[in-house]
């Protein structure tokens, strides 16, 4: 993937987050929160920015991610290519819902 295309996808993702994440959403299911904040870059557990880092068990474990807390930590302090989701964008409670949904949904 070209750097220009990757940059454009990142910009779109950040724009989506800024528009959709202006106020924390509580009371939503993990699936709904995942759809709102994560599915743009992780459709069906894939990764449109870095295809080698999907949300399936093998990929997560290869990156030392095995628990909801470790997913929340990655959301709060992501690597290159992933936007940062701090507490004013996604509450701790909602971040855990997303993490639990991720662990239960994409573990092939």
Protein backbone atom coordinates (compact mmCIF):
# COMPACT_ATOMS: atom_id res chain seq x y z
CA UNK A 1 0.00 0.00 0.00
CA UNK A 2 1.36 3.41 -0.88
CA UNK A 3 2.17 5.89 1.85
CA UNK A 4 -0.29 8.30 0.28
CA UNK A 5 -3.14 5.76 0.44
CA UNK A 6 -2.23 4.78 3.99
CA UNK A 7 -2.13 8.45 4.99
CA UNK A 8 -5.50 9.07 3.40
CA UNK A 9 -7.05 6.11 5.24
CA UNK A 10 -5.57 7.33 8.50
CA UNK A 11 -6.94 10.84 7.92
CA UNK A 12 -10.41 9.44 7.19
CA UNK A 13 -10.27 7.31 10.34
CA UNK A 14 -9.20 10.25 12.49
CA UNK A 15 -11.92 12.42 10.98
CA UNK A 16 -14.51 9.75 11.70
CA UNK A 17 -13.33 9.48 15.28
CA UNK A 18 -13.41 13.22 15.80
CA UNK A 19 -16.93 13.50 14.43
CA UNK A 20 -18.34 10.41 16.12
CA UNK A 21 -16.38 10.63 19.32
CA UNK A 22 -17.09 14.15 20.45
CA UNK A 23 -19.06 12.97 23.44
CA UNK A 24 -18.63 9.66 25.22
CA UNK A 25 -21.35 7.14 24.45
CA UNK A 26 -22.37 5.00 27.39
CA UNK A 27 -25.07 2.37 27.56
CA UNK A 28 -24.14 0.96 24.15
CA UNK A 29 -23.16 -2.66 23.58
CA UNK A 30 -19.58 -3.64 22.84
CA UNK A 31 -20.65 -4.54 19.32
CA UNK A 32 -22.23 -1.11 18.74
CA UNK A 33 -19.19 0.66 20.21
CA UNK A 34 -16.85 -1.43 18.04
CA UNK A 35 -18.93 -0.52 14.98
CA UNK A 36 -18.74 3.18 15.89
CA UNK A 37 -15.06 3.46 16.79
CA UNK A 38 -13.18 0.47 15.38
CA UNK A 39 -14.88 -1.11 12.37
CA UNK A 40 -13.64 1.59 10.00
CA UNK A 41 -10.10 0.21 10.31
CA UNK A 42 -10.95 -3.27 11.65
CA UNK A 43 -13.87 -4.55 9.54
CA UNK A 44 -14.66 -8.13 10.55
CA UNK A 45 -11.53 -8.12 12.73
CA UNK A 46 -9.19 -7.36 9.86
CA UNK A 47 -6.82 -4.38 9.76
CA UNK A 48 -6.95 -1.99 6.80
CA UNK A 49 -3.88 -0.03 7.95
CA UNK A 50 -1.58 -2.95 8.83
CA UNK A 51 -2.96 -6.26 7.47
CA UNK A 52 -0.45 -8.24 9.59
CA UNK A 53 -2.07 -7.01 12.83
CA UNK A 54 -5.59 -8.36 12.78
CA UNK A 55 -7.83 -8.95 15.78
CA UNK A 56 -7.75 -12.75 15.61
CA UNK A 57 -6.32 -14.67 18.56
CA UNK A 58 -3.04 -15.61 16.84
CA UNK A 59 -2.23 -12.02 15.88
CA UNK A 60 -3.24 -10.57 19.25
CA UNK A 61 -1.20 -13.14 21.17
CA UNK A 62 1.80 -12.54 18.89
CA UNK A 63 1.59 -8.92 20.04
CA UNK A 64 1.20 -9.84 23.75
CA UNK A 65 -2.49 -8.94 23.84
CA UNK A 66 -4.58 -11.55 25.66
CA UNK A 67 -6.90 -9.71 28.06
CA UNK A 68 -9.47 -6.92 27.87
CA UNK A 69 -7.09 -4.71 29.88
CA UNK A 70 -4.33 -5.20 27.33
CA UNK A 71 -6.69 -4.20 24.51
CA UNK A 72 -7.75 -1.09 26.44
CA UNK A 73 -4.08 -0.26 27.01
CA UNK A 74 -3.47 -0.53 23.24
CA UNK A 75 -6.47 1.73 22.60
CA UNK A 76 -5.07 4.31 25.03
CA UNK A 77 -1.44 4.04 23.79
CA UNK A 78 -1.52 2.64 20.25
CA UNK A 79 1.29 1.98 17.86
CA UNK A 80 1.97 3.63 14.53
CA UNK A 81 -1.09 3.96 12.32
CA UNK A 82 -3.75 3.66 15.02
CA UNK A 83 -5.40 6.73 16.51
CA UNK A 84 -5.32 7.20 20.28
CA UNK A 85 -8.64 6.75 22.10
CA UNK A 86 -8.30 8.56 25.40
CA UNK A 87 -10.90 8.63 28.18
CA UNK A 88 -12.64 11.73 26.89
CA UNK A 89 -13.36 9.91 23.61
CA UNK A 90 -14.17 6.42 24.95
CA UNK A 91 -14.88 5.95 28.65
CA UNK A 92 -13.10 3.17 30.54
CA UNK A 93 -16.39 1.27 30.82
CA UNK A 94 -17.02 1.48 27.08
CA UNK A 95 -13.39 0.62 26.25
CA UNK A 96 -13.76 -2.59 28.28
CA UNK A 97 -16.98 -3.40 26.40
CA UNK A 98 -15.12 -3.00 23.09
CA UNK A 99 -12.25 -5.16 24.36
CA UNK A 100 -14.56 -7.93 25.57
CA UNK A 101 -16.46 -7.85 22.27
CA UNK A 102 -13.18 -8.06 20.37
CA UNK A 103 -11.95 -11.07 22.36
CA UNK A 104 -15.26 -12.91 21.97
CA UNK A 105 -15.87 -12.11 18.29
CA UNK A 106 -12.66 -12.49 16.33
CA UNK A 107 -10.99 -15.49 17.95
CA UNK A 108 -10.65 -17.91 15.03
